[in-house]
Amino acid sequence: MQLDNITINGASVTLVLIAVIALMAIHKYNGKKTTIEDFFIAGFAAASVPTGAILIYCAYEPSEINLLASVTMQIALVGAGVIFISYKTIRERI
C-alpha cells in the first residue's frame, strides 16, 4: 500500500471526527457535561494515532522515512497534546 500525505491527513481527520462524536455520544448517554478540554484531549489523542503508526512503520522500513515529511502538522499536534496533558497532570498534582 502506498501511503501519502492525503491518506495520512484523511486518516487523522477521520479519527478526530470519530473520537469527538463518540465522546459526545458517551457523555450524553452518561449525562455528563462535555468540556472543551474533553474535545481537545480526544482530538489530540485521535490525531496522534496515524502519526504513531507512521513512526512505527518507519522504524522497521527506514527507506520510507520520507513519509515523515508529510506528517509535520500531526507531529505538531501530538507535541501540543503532550505539552497540554503534561501541564494538566502537573497542575493537578501540585
Protein backbone atom coordinates (compact mmCIF):
# COMPACT_ATOMS: atom_id res chain seq x y z
CA MET A 1 0.00 0.00 0.00
CA GLN A 2 1.34 3.40 -0.96
CA LEU A 3 0.94 5.97 1.81
CA ASP A 4 0.91 9.63 1.02
CA ASN A 5 0.06 12.95 2.61
CA ILE A 6 -3.63 12.79 1.67
CA THR A 7 -4.04 9.29 3.14
CA ILE A 8 -2.36 10.22 6.42
CA ASN A 9 -4.22 13.54 6.78
CA GLY A 10 -7.52 11.88 5.86
CA ALA A 11 -6.96 9.21 8.48
CA SER A 12 -6.17 11.85 11.11
CA VAL A 13 -9.27 13.91 10.35
CA THR A 14 -11.48 10.83 10.24
CA LEU A 15 -10.21 9.58 13.60
CA VAL A 16 -10.65 13.02 15.19
CA LEU A 17 -14.25 13.19 13.99
CA ILE A 18 -14.97 9.65 15.21
CA ALA A 19 -13.40 10.38 18.61
CA VAL A 20 -15.29 13.65 19.10
CA ILE A 21 -18.63 12.16 18.02
CA ALA A 22 -18.08 9.12 20.25
CA LEU A 23 -17.13 11.39 23.15
CA MET A 24 -20.29 13.46 22.74
CA ALA A 25 -22.46 10.34 22.47
CA ILE A 26 -20.92 8.67 25.54
CA HIS A 27 -21.14 11.84 27.63
CA LYS A 28 -24.76 12.41 26.56
CA TYR A 29 -25.65 8.79 27.39
CA ASN A 30 -24.00 9.08 30.81
CA GLY A 31 -25.47 12.55 31.43
CA LYS A 32 -22.01 14.06 31.77
CA LYS A 33 -21.24 17.61 30.66
CA THR A 34 -18.63 17.77 27.88
CA THR A 35 -15.98 20.46 28.27
CA ILE A 36 -13.76 21.99 25.61
CA GLU A 37 -10.85 20.28 27.35
CA ASP A 38 -12.51 16.92 26.69
CA PHE A 39 -12.70 17.77 22.98
CA PHE A 40 -9.04 18.77 22.84
CA ILE A 41 -7.86 15.63 24.61
CA ALA A 42 -9.98 13.35 22.40
CA GLY A 43 -8.91 15.22 19.27
CA PHE A 44 -5.19 15.24 20.07
CA ALA A 45 -5.25 11.58 21.03
CA ALA A 46 -7.08 10.57 17.87
CA ALA A 47 -4.89 12.73 15.61
CA SER A 48 -1.77 11.08 17.02
CA VAL A 49 -2.76 7.53 16.01
CA PRO A 50 -1.79 7.79 12.31
CA THR A 51 1.41 9.64 13.21
CA GLY A 52 2.34 6.95 15.71
CA ALA A 53 1.64 4.25 13.13
CA ILE A 54 3.87 6.03 10.59
CA LEU A 55 6.66 6.39 13.16
CA ILE A 56 6.50 2.67 13.96
CA TYR A 57 6.38 1.78 10.26
CA CYS A 58 9.42 3.97 9.53
CA ALA A 59 11.32 2.31 12.36
CA TYR A 60 11.01 -1.02 10.52
CA GLU A 61 11.29 0.43 6.99
CA PRO A 62 13.92 3.21 7.18
CA SER A 63 13.73 3.65 3.41
CA GLU A 64 10.22 5.12 3.93
CA ILE A 65 11.44 7.90 6.26
CA ASN A 66 10.29 10.41 3.64
CA LEU A 67 6.73 9.76 4.90
CA LEU A 68 7.57 11.83 7.97
CA ALA A 69 7.78 14.93 5.79
CA SER A 70 4.04 14.64 5.15
CA VAL A 71 3.01 14.44 8.81
CA THR A 72 4.55 17.62 10.16
CA MET A 73 1.18 19.04 11.21
CA GLN A 74 0.24 15.83 13.01
CA ILE A 75 3.61 15.76 14.77
CA ALA A 76 3.00 19.35 15.90
CA LEU A 77 -0.47 18.37 17.19
CA VAL A 78 0.97 15.41 19.05
CA GLY A 79 3.59 17.69 20.59
CA ALA A 80 0.93 20.20 21.62
CA GLY A 81 -1.14 17.37 23.08
CA VAL A 82 1.78 16.04 25.10
CA ILE A 83 2.54 19.51 26.45
CA PHE A 84 -1.13 20.09 27.31
CA ILE A 85 -1.52 16.73 29.07
CA SER A 86 1.79 17.20 30.91
CA TYR A 87 0.75 20.67 32.07
CA LYS A 88 -2.64 19.38 33.18
CA THR A 89 -1.12 16.46 35.06
CA ILE A 90 1.48 18.61 36.82
CA ARG A 91 -1.13 21.23 37.73
CA GLU A 92 -3.47 18.60 39.21
CA ARG A 93 -0.68 17.00 41.24
CA ILE A 94 0.59 20.24 42.80
